Amino acid sequence: MTHTQGQWQLHSPTQGDPKTGDGTYCITGSHGGVIVKIIPEDSPETPANAALISASPAMLSALQALLREKALEGGDDPDDFGWVRSADADPAGTWQAAYQAIAKATEEVKS
């Protein structure tokens, strides 16, 4: 399974769906078609949800690149990348969470 490649573009309610101009938050792909409309439009979380969804291809790519780098370097610890983390952090859990996030983002949806 693969998602729409390229950068996704977030359109605000003032722009709306580029095809219909209906005043919703929507996200378009590099092909110009609408990938998703964010509903409800009037929820206080909608702008943040729309921004998060539109950034998801870039975040997935960055996370995959980070894990490839980890594999090349042979590191198991976020400290290998110079990150600052809390004393109660679990490096193994951090990496596992990253792998699980990629799996969730790339798994087939059963219909």
PDB file of N, CA and C in Angstrom:
ATOM      1  N   MET A   1       0.852  -1.175   0.000  1.00  0.00           N
ATOM      2  CA  MET A   1       0.000   0.000   0.000  1.00  0.00           C
ATOM      3  C   MET A   1       0.894   1.233   0.000  1.00  0.00           C
ATOM      4  N   THR A   2       0.466   2.237  -0.725  1.00  0.00           N
ATOM      5  CA  THR A   2       1.205   3.493  -0.749  1.00  0.00           C
ATOM      6  C   THR A   2       0.223   4.658  -0.673  1.00  0.00           C
ATOM      7  N   HIS A   3       0.687   5.738  -0.107  1.00  0.00           N
ATOM      8  CA  HIS A   3      -0.159   6.927  -0.012  1.00  0.00           C
ATOM      9  C   HIS A   3       0.130   7.849  -1.203  1.00  0.00           C
ATOM     10  N   THR A   4      -0.669   8.885  -1.345  1.00  0.00           N
ATOM     11  CA  THR A   4      -0.440   9.876  -2.394  1.00  0.00           C
ATOM     12  C   THR A   4       0.917  10.522  -2.150  1.00  0.00           C
ATOM     13  N   GLN A   5       1.788  10.389  -3.115  1.00  0.00           N
ATOM     14  CA  GLN A   5       3.151  10.882  -2.971  1.00  0.00           C
ATOM     15  C   GLN A   5       3.210  12.397  -3.138  1.00  0.00           C
ATOM     16  N   GLY A   6       4.334  12.950  -2.745  1.00  0.00           N
ATOM     17  CA  GLY A   6       4.532  14.387  -2.867  1.00  0.00           C
ATOM     18  C   GLY A   6       4.034  15.126  -1.648  1.00  0.00           C
ATOM     19  N   GLN A   7       4.229  16.414  -1.661  1.00  0.00           N
ATOM     20  CA  GLN A   7       3.804  17.243  -0.546  1.00  0.00           C
ATOM     21  C   GLN A   7       2.293  17.426  -0.588  1.00  0.00           C
ATOM     22  N   TRP A   8       1.672  17.357   0.578  1.00  0.00           N
ATOM     23  CA  TRP A   8       0.246  17.611   0.675  1.00  0.00           C
ATOM     24  C   TRP A   8       0.043  19.077   1.036  1.00  0.00           C
ATOM     25  N   GLN A   9      -0.999  19.664   0.499  1.00  0.00           N
ATOM     26  CA  GLN A   9      -1.292  21.080   0.706  1.00  0.00           C
ATOM     27  C   GLN A   9      -2.562  21.233   1.530  1.00  0.00           C
ATOM     28  N   LEU A  10      -2.472  22.000   2.595  1.00  0.00           N
ATOM     29  CA  LEU A  10      -3.626  22.292   3.439  1.00  0.00           C
ATOM     30  C   LEU A  10      -4.325  23.541   2.920  1.00  0.00           C
ATOM     31  N   HIS A  11      -5.642  23.452   2.761  1.00  0.00           N
ATOM     32  CA  HIS A  11      -6.458  24.587   2.339  1.00  0.00           C
ATOM     33  C   HIS A  11      -7.367  24.970   3.497  1.00  0.00           C
ATOM     34  N   SER A  12      -7.366  26.228   3.852  1.00  0.00           N
ATOM     35  CA  SER A  12      -8.178  26.725   4.964  1.00  0.00           C
ATOM     36  C   SER A  12      -9.622  26.918   4.520  1.00  0.00           C
ATOM     37  N   PRO A  13     -10.522  27.194   5.472  1.00  0.00           N
ATOM     38  CA  PRO A  13     -11.923  27.419   5.092  1.00  0.00           C
ATOM     39  C   PRO A  13     -12.109  28.579   4.128  1.00  0.00           C
ATOM     40  N   THR A  14     -11.216  29.563   4.166  1.00  0.00           N
ATOM     41  CA  THR A  14     -11.375  30.676   3.229  1.00  0.00           C
ATOM     42  C   THR A  14     -11.011  30.253   1.808  1.00  0.00           C
ATOM     43  N   GLN A  15     -10.163  29.222   1.672  1.00  0.00           N
ATOM     44  CA  GLN A  15      -9.819  28.685   0.352  1.00  0.00           C
ATOM     45  C   GLN A  15     -10.770  27.551  -0.003  1.00  0.00           C
ATOM     46  N   GLY A  16     -10.983  26.663   0.965  1.00  0.00           N
ATOM     47  CA  GLY A  16     -11.868  25.526   0.756  1.00  0.00           C
ATOM     48  C   GLY A  16     -11.350  24.558  -0.279  1.00  0.00           C
ATOM     49  N   ASP A  17     -12.213  23.633  -0.631  1.00  0.00           N
ATOM     50  CA  ASP A  17     -11.919  22.637  -1.652  1.00  0.00           C
ATOM     51  C   ASP A  17     -11.653  23.371  -2.955  1.00  0.00           C
ATOM     52  N   PRO A  18     -10.453  23.179  -3.549  1.00  0.00           N
ATOM     53  CA  PRO A  18     -10.142  23.908  -4.774  1.00  0.00           C
ATOM     54  C   PRO A  18     -11.115  23.619  -5.914  1.00  0.00           C
ATOM     55  N   LYS A  19     -11.799  22.496  -5.857  1.00  0.00           N
ATOM     56  CA  LYS A  19     -12.745  22.154  -6.932  1.00  0.00           C
ATOM     57  C   LYS A  19     -14.119  22.762  -6.698  1.00  0.00           C
ATOM     58  N   THR A  20     -14.521  22.855  -5.409  1.00  0.00           N
ATOM     59  CA  THR A  20     -15.874  23.333  -5.127  1.00  0.00           C
ATOM     60  C   THR A  20     -15.907  24.649  -4.382  1.00  0.00           C
ATOM     61  N   GLY A  21     -14.770  25.033  -3.748  1.00  0.00           N
ATOM     62  CA  GLY A  21     -14.744  26.275  -2.979  1.00  0.00           C
ATOM     63  C   GLY A  21     -15.774  26.299  -1.868  1.00  0.00           C
ATOM     64  N   ASP A  22     -15.984  25.138  -1.225  1.00  0.00           N
ATOM     65  CA  ASP A  22     -17.079  25.031  -0.270  1.00  0.00           C
ATOM     66  C   ASP A  22     -16.764  25.496   1.144  1.00  0.00           C
ATOM     67  N   GLY A  23     -15.573  26.043   1.386  1.00  0.00           N
ATOM     68  CA  GLY A  23     -15.282  26.612   2.697  1.00  0.00           C
ATOM     69  C   GLY A  23     -14.975  25.603   3.785  1.00  0.00           C
ATOM     70  N   THR A  24     -14.474  24.442   3.433  1.00  0.00           N
ATOM     71  CA  THR A  24     -14.055  23.462   4.425  1.00  0.00           C
ATOM     72  C   THR A  24     -12.537  23.431   4.497  1.00  0.00           C
ATOM     73  N   TYR A  25     -12.030  22.850   5.582  1.00  0.00           N
ATOM     74  CA  TYR A  25     -10.609  22.509   5.593  1.00  0.00           C
ATOM     75  C   TYR A  25     -10.470  21.288   4.707  1.00  0.00           C
ATOM     76  N   CYS A  26      -9.524  21.305   3.797  1.00  0.00           N
ATOM     77  CA  CYS A  26      -9.277  20.124   2.993  1.00  0.00           C
ATOM     78  C   CYS A  26      -7.797  20.034   2.667  1.00  0.00           C
ATOM     79  N   ILE A  27      -7.379  18.851   2.283  1.00  0.00           N
ATOM     80  CA  ILE A  27      -5.991  18.587   1.955  1.00  0.00           C
ATOM     81  C   ILE A  27      -5.950  18.010   0.553  1.00  0.00           C
ATOM     82  N   THR A  28      -5.085  18.590  -0.277  1.00  0.00           N
ATOM     83  CA  THR A  28      -4.911  18.095  -1.635  1.00  0.00           C
ATOM     84  C   THR A  28      -3.519  17.502  -1.784  1.00  0.00           C
ATOM     85  N   GLY A  29      -3.411  16.603  -2.747  1.00  0.00           N
ATOM     86  CA  GLY A  29      -2.132  15.963  -3.021  1.00  0.00           C
ATOM     87  C   GLY A  29      -1.446  16.608  -4.205  1.00  0.00           C
ATOM     88  N   SER A  30      -0.291  16.062  -4.536  1.00  0.00           N
ATOM     89  CA  SER A  30       0.493  16.613  -5.640  1.00  0.00           C
ATOM     90  C   SER A  30      -0.250  16.509  -6.968  1.00  0.00           C
ATOM     91  N   HIS A  31      -1.205  15.598  -7.057  1.00  0.00           N
ATOM     92  CA  HIS A  31      -2.001  15.440  -8.275  1.00  0.00           C
ATOM     93  C   HIS A  31      -3.109  16.477  -8.375  1.00  0.00           C
ATOM     94  N   GLY A  32      -3.317  17.259  -7.299  1.00  0.00           N
ATOM     95  CA  GLY A  32      -4.324  18.311  -7.306  1.00  0.00           C
ATOM     96  C   GLY A  32      -5.677  17.888  -6.793  1.00  0.00           C
ATOM     97  N   GLY A  33      -5.891  16.589  -6.633  1.00  0.00           N
ATOM     98  CA  GLY A  33      -7.181  16.120  -6.132  1.00  0.00           C
ATOM     99  C   GLY A  33      -7.268  16.216  -4.623  1.00  0.00           C
ATOM    100  N   VAL A  34      -8.493  16.265  -4.126  1.00  0.00           N
ATOM    101  CA  VAL A  34      -8.721  16.339  -2.689  1.00  0.00           C
ATOM    102  C   VAL A  34      -8.481  14.958  -2.077  1.00  0.00           C
ATOM    103  N   ILE A  35      -7.620  14.917  -1.066  1.00  0.00           N
ATOM    104  CA  ILE A  35      -7.343  13.684  -0.340  1.00  0.00           C
ATOM    105  C   ILE A  35      -8.351  13.513   0.779  1.00  0.00           C
ATOM    106  N   VAL A  36      -8.612  14.605   1.498  1.00  0.00           N
ATOM    107  CA  VAL A  36      -9.517  14.524   2.647  1.00  0.00           C
ATOM    108  C   VAL A  36     -10.128  15.892   2.923  1.00  0.00           C
ATOM    109  N   LYS A  37     -11.349  15.870   3.408  1.00  0.00           N
ATOM    110  CA  LYS A  37     -11.988  17.066   3.957  1.00  0.00           C
ATOM    111  C   LYS A  37     -12.100  16.835   5.457  1.00  0.00           C
ATOM    112  N   ILE A  38     -11.834  17.871   6.231  1.00  0.00           N
ATOM    113  CA  ILE A  38     -11.854  17.766   7.679  1.00  0.00           C
ATOM    114  C   ILE A  38     -13.222  18.216   8.182  1.00  0.00           C
ATOM    115  N   ILE A  39     -13.900  17.312   8.871  1.00  0.00           N
ATOM    116  CA  ILE A  39     -15.234  17.588   9.400  1.00  0.00           C
ATOM    117  C   ILE A  39     -15.210  17.217  10.883  1.00  0.00           C
ATOM    118  N   PRO A  40     -15.743  17.975  11.799  1.00  0.00           N
ATOM    119  CA  PRO A  40     -16.527  19.188  11.593  1.00  0.00           C
ATOM    120  C   PRO A  40     -15.621  20.397  11.378  1.00  0.00           C
ATOM    121  N   GLU A  41     -16.089  21.313  10.572  1.00  0.00           N
ATOM    122  CA  GLU A  41     -15.313  22.504  10.255  1.00  0.00           C
ATOM    123  C   GLU A  41     -15.234  23.467  11.425  1.00  0.00           C
ATOM    124  N   ASP A  42     -16.205  23.420  12.326  1.00  0.00           N
ATOM    125  CA  ASP A  42     -16.289  24.416  13.396  1.00  0.00           C
ATOM    126  C   ASP A  42     -15.729  23.939  14.735  1.00  0.00           C
ATOM    127  N   SER A  43     -15.141  22.767  14.798  1.00  0.00           N
ATOM    128  CA  SER A  43     -14.563  22.273  16.035  1.00  0.00           C
ATOM    129  C   SER A  43     -13.278  23.034  16.342  1.00  0.00           C
ATOM    130  N   PRO A  44     -12.990  23.331  17.623  1.00  0.00           N
ATOM    131  CA  PRO A  44     -11.750  24.049  17.937  1.00  0.00           C
ATOM    132  C   PRO A  44     -10.487  23.253  17.591  1.00  0.00           C
ATOM    133  N   GLU A  45     -10.598  21.935  17.492  1.00  0.00           N
ATOM    134  CA  GLU A  45      -9.447  21.103  17.154  1.00  0.00           C
ATOM    135  C   GLU A  45      -9.212  20.991  15.655  1.00  0.00           C
ATOM    136  N   THR A  46     -10.149  21.390  14.847  1.00  0.00           N
ATOM    137  CA  THR A  46     -10.065  21.186  13.405  1.00  0.00           C
ATOM    138  C   THR A  46      -8.808  21.786  12.777  1.00  0.00           C
ATOM    139  N   PRO A  47      -8.424  23.028  13.071  1.00  0.00           N
ATOM    140  CA  PRO A  47      -7.207  23.557  12.443  1.00  0.00           C
ATOM    141  C   PRO A  47      -5.969  22.711  12.773  1.00  0.00           C
ATOM    142  N   ALA A  48      -5.827  22.301  14.030  1.00  0.00           N
ATOM    143  CA  ALA A  48      -4.667  21.486  14.420  1.00  0.00           C
ATOM    144  C   ALA A  48      -4.731  20.104  13.782  1.00  0.00           C
ATOM    145  N   ASN A  49      -5.914  19.509  13.733  1.00  0.00           N
ATOM    146  CA  ASN A  49      -6.057  18.196  13.085  1.00  0.00           C
ATOM    147  C   ASN A  49      -5.702  18.280  11.608  1.00  0.00           C
ATOM    148  N   ALA A  50      -6.166  19.324  10.954  1.00  0.00           N
ATOM    149  CA  ALA A  50      -5.887  19.493   9.530  1.00  0.00           C
ATOM    150  C   ALA A  50      -4.387  19.670   9.292  1.00  0.00           C
ATOM    151  N   ALA A  51      -3.729  20.470  10.129  1.00  0.00           N
ATOM    152  CA  ALA A  51      -2.284  20.673   9.986  1.00  0.00           C
ATOM    153  C   ALA A  51      -1.524  19.371  10.213  1.00  0.00           C
ATOM    154  N   LEU A  52      -1.923  18.600  11.216  1.00  0.00           N
ATOM    155  CA  LEU A  52      -1.263  17.325  11.503  1.00  0.00           C
ATOM    156  C   LEU A  52      -1.427  16.347  10.342  1.00  0.00           C
ATOM    157  N   ILE A  53      -2.625  16.239   9.817  1.00  0.00           N
ATOM    158  CA  ILE A  53      -2.861  15.321   8.702  1.00  0.00           C
ATOM    159  C   ILE A  53      -2.069  15.746   7.475  1.00  0.00           C
ATOM    160  N   SER A  54      -2.044  17.037   7.179  1.00  0.00           N
ATOM    161  CA  SER A  54      -1.336  17.480   5.984  1.00  0.00           C
ATOM    162  C   SER A  54       0.178  17.280   6.102  1.00  0.00           C
ATOM    163  N   ALA A  55       0.696  17.248   7.330  1.00  0.00           N
ATOM    164  CA  ALA A  55       2.131  17.035   7.545  1.00  0.00           C
ATOM    165  C   ALA A  55       2.509  15.558   7.608  1.00  0.00           C
ATOM    166  N   SER A  56       1.541  14.670   7.629  1.00  0.00           N
ATOM    167  CA  SER A  56       1.839  13.257   7.861  1.00  0.00           C
ATOM    168  C   SER A  56       2.774  12.622   6.823  1.00  0.00           C
ATOM    169  N   PRO A  57       2.695  12.909   5.528  1.00  0.00           N
ATOM    170  CA  PRO A  57       3.673  12.307   4.617  1.00  0.00           C
ATOM    171  C   PRO A  57       5.106  12.731   4.930  1.00  0.00           C
ATOM    172  N   ALA A  58       5.289  13.990   5.278  1.00  0.00           N
ATOM    173  CA  ALA A  58       6.635  14.471   5.617  1.00  0.00           C
ATOM    174  C   ALA A  58       7.118  13.841   6.914  1.00  0.00           C
ATOM    175  N   MET A  59       6.230  13.700   7.893  1.00  0.00           N
ATOM    176  CA  MET A  59       6.621  13.074   9.155  1.00  0.00           C
ATOM    177  C   MET A  59       6.964  11.603   8.950  1.00  0.00           C
ATOM    178  N   LEU A  60       6.182  10.902   8.143  1.00  0.00           N
ATOM    179  CA  LEU A  60       6.472   9.497   7.854  1.00  0.00           C
ATOM    180  C   LEU A  60       7.833   9.359   7.189  1.00  0.00           C
ATOM    181  N   SER A  61       8.098  10.191   6.215  1.00  0.00           N
ATOM    182  CA  SER A  61       9.375  10.146   5.513  1.00  0.00           C
ATOM    183  C   SER A  61      10.541  10.426   6.459  1.00  0.00           C
ATOM    184  N   ALA A  62      10.385  11.424   7.326  1.00  0.00           N
ATOM    185  CA  ALA A  62      11.442  11.768   8.278  1.00  0.00           C
ATOM    186  C   ALA A  62      11.679  10.638   9.270  1.00  0.00           C
ATOM    187  N   LEU A  63      10.612  10.019   9.749  1.00  0.00           N
ATOM    188  CA  LEU A  63      10.755   8.916  10.699  1.00  0.00           C
ATOM    189  C   LEU A  63      11.421   7.713  10.037  1.00  0.00           C
ATOM    190  N   GLN A  64      11.034   7.413   8.808  1.00  0.00           N
ATOM    191  CA  GLN A  64      11.675   6.310   8.089  1.00  0.00           C
ATOM    192  C   GLN A  64      13.164   6.595   7.877  1.00  0.00           C
ATOM    193  N   ALA A  65      13.504   7.830   7.524  1.00  0.00           N
ATOM    194  CA  ALA A  65      14.906   8.199   7.327  1.00  0.00           C
ATOM    195  C   ALA A  65      15.687   8.093   8.633  1.00  0.00           C
ATOM    196  N   LEU A  66      15.086   8.508   9.715  1.00  0.00           N
ATOM    197  CA  LEU A  66      15.732   8.422  11.022  1.00  0.00           C
ATOM    198  C   LEU A  66      16.029   6.968  11.381  1.00  0.00           C
ATOM    199  N   LEU A  67      15.084   6.089  11.145  1.00  0.00           N
ATOM    200  CA  LEU A  67      15.292   4.680  11.477  1.00  0.00           C
ATOM    201  C   LEU A  67      16.293   4.024  10.533  1.00  0.00           C
ATOM    202  N   ARG A  68      16.334   4.463   9.271  1.00  0.00           N
ATOM    203  CA  ARG A  68      17.373   3.963   8.363  1.00  0.00           C
ATOM    204  C   ARG A  68      18.750   4.393   8.859  1.00  0.00           C
ATOM    205  N   GLU A  69      18.844   5.641   9.300  1.00  0.00           N
ATOM    206  CA  GLU A  69      20.102   6.160   9.845  1.00  0.00           C
ATOM    207  C   GLU A  69      20.505   5.373  11.086  1.00  0.00           C
ATOM    208  N   LYS A  70      19.535   5.084  11.926  1.00  0.00           N
ATOM    209  CA  LYS A  70      19.794   4.284  13.132  1.00  0.00           C
ATOM    210  C   LYS A  70      20.353   2.930  12.740  1.00  0.00           C
ATOM    211  N   ALA A  71      19.761   2.296  11.733  1.00  0.00           N
ATOM    212  CA  ALA A  71      20.229   0.981  11.295  1.00  0.00           C
ATOM    213  C   ALA A  71      21.651   1.062  10.747  1.00  0.00           C
ATOM    214  N   LEU A  72      21.951   2.110   9.984  1.00  0.00           N
ATOM    215  CA  LEU A  72      23.293   2.267   9.431  1.00  0.00           C
ATOM    216  C   LEU A  72      24.333   2.514  10.520  1.00  0.00           C
ATOM    217  N   GLU A  73      23.937   3.275  11.533  1.00  0.00           N
ATOM    218  CA  GLU A  73      24.857   3.606  12.623  1.00  0.00           C
ATOM    219  C   GLU A  73      24.933   2.494  13.656  1.00  0.00           C
ATOM    220  N   GLY A  74      23.935   1.613  13.677  1.00  0.00           N
ATOM    221  CA  GLY A  74      23.914   0.530  14.654  1.00  0.00           C
ATOM    222  C   GLY A  74      23.532   0.980  16.046  1.00  0.00           C
ATOM    223  N   GLY A  75      22.941   2.165  16.163  1.00  0.00           N
ATOM    224  CA  GLY A  75      22.581   2.681  17.481  1.00  0.00           C
ATOM    225  C   GLY A  75      21.238   2.185  17.955  1.00  0.00           C
ATOM    226  N   ASP A  76      21.123   2.038  19.270  1.00  0.00           N
ATOM    227  CA  ASP A  76      19.860   1.628  19.871  1.00  0.00           C
ATOM    228  C   ASP A  76      19.273   2.704  20.761  1.00  0.00           C
ATOM    229  N   ASP A  77      19.954   3.805  20.876  1.00  0.00           N
ATOM    230  CA  ASP A  77      19.596   4.783  21.880  1.00  0.00           C
ATOM    231  C   ASP A  77      19.402   6.143  21.226  1.00  0.00           C
ATOM    232  N   PRO A  78      18.305   6.848  21.551  1.00  0.00           N
ATOM    233  CA  PRO A  78      18.131   8.192  21.007  1.00  0.00           C
ATOM    234  C   PRO A  78      19.301   9.117  21.314  1.00  0.00           C
ATOM    235  N   ASP A  79      20.055   8.826  22.383  1.00  0.00           N
ATOM    236  CA  ASP A  79      21.233   9.645  22.694  1.00  0.00           C
ATOM    237  C   ASP A  79      22.258   9.580  21.575  1.00  0.00           C
ATOM    238  N   ASP A  80      22.220   8.516  20.759  1.00  0.00           N
ATOM    239  CA  ASP A  80      23.150   8.393  19.646  1.00  0.00           C
ATOM    240  C   ASP A  80      22.992   9.555  18.662  1.00  0.00           C
ATOM    241  N   PHE A  81      21.830  10.187  18.688  1.00  0.00           N
ATOM    242  CA  PHE A  81      21.566  11.303  17.788  1.00  0.00           C
ATOM    243  C   PHE A  81      21.692  12.641  18.499  1.00  0.00           C
ATOM    244  N   GLY A  82      22.180  12.626  19.735  1.00  0.00           N
ATOM    245  CA  GLY A  82      22.361  13.857  20.482  1.00  0.00           C
ATOM    246  C   GLY A  82      21.075  14.423  21.053  1.00  0.00           C
ATOM    247  N   TRP A  83      20.041  13.609  21.150  1.00  0.00           N
ATOM    248  CA  TRP A  83      18.781  14.088  21.691  1.00  0.00           C
ATOM    249  C   TRP A  83      18.864  14.216  23.199  1.00  0.00           C
ATOM    250  N   VAL A  84      18.131  15.150  23.723  1.00  0.00           N
ATOM    251  CA  VAL A  84      17.986  15.283  25.164  1.00  0.00           C
ATOM    252  C   VAL A  84      16.691  14.579  25.530  1.00  0.00           C
ATOM    253  N   ARG A  85      16.766  13.726  26.534  1.00  0.00           N
ATOM    254  CA  ARG A  85      15.557  13.014  26.951  1.00  0.00           C
ATOM    255  C   ARG A  85      15.471  12.992  28.455  1.00  0.00           C
ATOM    256  N   SER A  86      14.292  12.721  28.947  1.00  0.00           N
ATOM    257  CA  SER A  86      14.084  12.709  30.387  1.00  0.00           C
ATOM    258  C   SER A  86      14.733  11.471  31.000  1.00  0.00           C
ATOM    259  N   ALA A  87      14.972  11.538  32.299  1.00  0.00           N
ATOM    260  CA  ALA A  87      15.643  10.445  33.009  1.00  0.00           C
ATOM    261  C   ALA A  87      14.820   9.162  32.986  1.00  0.00           C
ATOM    262  N   ASP A  88      13.511   9.271  32.877  1.00  0.00           N
ATOM    263  CA  ASP A  88      12.670   8.071  32.895  1.00  0.00           C
ATOM    264  C   ASP A  88      12.340   7.553  31.488  1.00  0.00           C
ATOM    265  N   ALA A  89      13.005   8.071  30.470  1.00  0.00           N
ATOM    266  CA  ALA A  89      12.753   7.632  29.086  1.00  0.00           C
ATOM    267  C   ALA A  89      13.227   6.196  28.897  1.00  0.00           C
ATOM    268  N   ASP A  90      12.576   5.513  27.989  1.00  0.00           N
ATOM    269  CA  ASP A  90      12.902   4.124  27.676  1.00  0.00           C
ATOM    270  C   ASP A  90      13.352   4.068  26.216  1.00  0.00           C
ATOM    271  N   PRO A  91      14.681   4.049  25.952  1.00  0.00           N
ATOM    272  CA  PRO A  91      15.157   4.063  24.560  1.00  0.00           C
ATOM    273  C   PRO A  91      14.580   2.934  23.726  1.00  0.00           C
ATOM    274  N   ALA A  92      14.542   1.727  24.262  1.00  0.00           N
ATOM    275  CA  ALA A  92      13.990   0.603  23.493  1.00  0.00           C
ATOM    276  C   ALA A  92      12.526   0.865  23.161  1.00  0.00           C
ATOM    277  N   GLY A  93      11.801   1.422  24.109  1.00  0.00           N
ATOM    278  CA  GLY A  93      10.396   1.748  23.871  1.00  0.00           C
ATOM    279  C   GLY A  93      10.221   2.852  22.853  1.00  0.00           C
ATOM    280  N   THR A  94      11.162   3.792  22.843  1.00  0.00           N
ATOM    281  CA  THR A  94      11.121   4.886  21.874  1.00  0.00           C
ATOM    282  C   THR A  94      11.253   4.348  20.454  1.00  0.00           C
ATOM    283  N   TRP A  95      12.241   3.499  20.244  1.00  0.00           N
ATOM    284  CA  TRP A  95      12.438   2.922  18.908  1.00  0.00           C
ATOM    285  C   TRP A  95      11.257   2.042  18.527  1.00  0.00           C
ATOM    286  N   GLN A  96      10.758   1.250  19.472  1.00  0.00           N
ATOM    287  CA  GLN A  96       9.610   0.386  19.189  1.00  0.00           C
ATOM    288  C   GLN A  96       8.398   1.222  18.789  1.00  0.00           C
ATOM    289  N   ALA A  97       8.188   2.326  19.483  1.00  0.00           N
ATOM    290  CA  ALA A  97       7.067   3.208  19.145  1.00  0.00           C
ATOM    291  C   ALA A  97       7.223   3.767  17.736  1.00  0.00           C
ATOM    292  N   ALA A  98       8.448   4.093  17.342  1.00  0.00           N
ATOM    293  CA  ALA A  98       8.694   4.605  15.992  1.00  0.00           C
ATOM    294  C   ALA A  98       8.359   3.549  14.944  1.00  0.00           C
ATOM    295  N   TYR A  99       8.818   2.324  15.170  1.00  0.00           N
ATOM    296  CA  TYR A  99       8.511   1.238  14.233  1.00  0.00           C
ATOM    297  C   TYR A  99       7.003   0.981  14.165  1.00  0.00           C
ATOM    298  N   GLN A 100       6.333   1.030  15.303  1.00  0.00           N
ATOM    299  CA  GLN A 100       4.889   0.801  15.329  1.00  0.00           C
ATOM    300  C   GLN A 100       4.135   1.916  14.617  1.00  0.00           C
ATOM    301  N   ALA A 101       4.604   3.146  14.744  1.00  0.00           N
ATOM    302  CA  ALA A 101       3.948   4.269  14.058  1.00  0.00           C
ATOM    303  C   ALA A 101       4.055   4.110  12.547  1.00  0.00           C
ATOM    304  N   ILE A 102       5.218   3.689  12.075  1.00  0.00           N
ATOM    305  CA  ILE A 102       5.388   3.463  10.634  1.00  0.00           C
ATOM    306  C   ILE A 102       4.479   2.335  10.174  1.00  0.00           C
ATOM    307  N   ALA A 103       4.421   1.255  10.939  1.00  0.00           N
ATOM    308  CA  ALA A 103       3.549   0.132  10.568  1.00  0.00           C
ATOM    309  C   ALA A 103       2.090   0.582  10.504  1.00  0.00           C
ATOM    310  N   LYS A 104       1.656   1.360  11.469  1.00  0.00           N
ATOM    311  CA  LYS A 104       0.272   1.837  11.483  1.00  0.00           C
ATOM    312  C   LYS A 104      -0.018   2.727  10.277  1.00  0.00           C
ATOM    313  N   ALA A 105       0.950   3.559   9.912  1.00  0.00           N
ATOM    314  CA  ALA A 105       0.755   4.486   8.792  1.00  0.00           C
ATOM    315  C   ALA A 105       0.784   3.790   7.443  1.00  0.00           C
ATOM    316  N   THR A 106       1.409   2.633   7.367  1.00  0.00           N
ATOM    317  CA  THR A 106       1.587   1.986   6.065  1.00  0.00           C
ATOM    318  C   THR A 106       0.808   0.678   5.918  1.00  0.00           C
ATOM    319  N   GLU A 107       0.063   0.289   6.923  1.00  0.00           N
ATOM    320  CA  GLU A 107      -0.662  -0.988   6.823  1.00  0.00           C
ATOM    321  C   GLU A 107      -1.875  -0.873   5.934  1.00  0.00           C
ATOM    322  N   GLU A 108      -2.258  -1.980   5.360  1.00  0.00           N
ATOM    323  CA  GLU A 108      -3.462  -2.031   4.525  1.00  0.00           C
ATOM    324  C   GLU A 108      -4.690  -1.837   5.406  1.00  0.00           C
ATOM    325  N   VAL A 109      -5.631  -1.077   4.913  1.00  0.00           N
ATOM    326  CA  VAL A 109      -6.908  -0.891   5.609  1.00  0.00           C
ATOM    327  C   VAL A 109      -7.836  -1.995   5.138  1.00  0.00           C
ATOM    328  N   LYS A 110      -8.391  -2.709   6.092  1.00  0.00           N
ATOM    329  CA  LYS A 110      -9.306  -3.795   5.742  1.00  0.00           C
ATOM    330  C   LYS A 110     -10.702  -3.235   5.592  1.00  0.00           C
ATOM    331  N   SER A 111     -11.324  -3.571   4.466  1.00  0.00           N
ATOM    332  CA  SER A 111     -12.671  -3.050   4.240  1.00  0.00           C
ATOM    333  C   SER A 111     -13.696  -4.163   4.294  1.00  0.00           C
TER     334      SER A 111
END
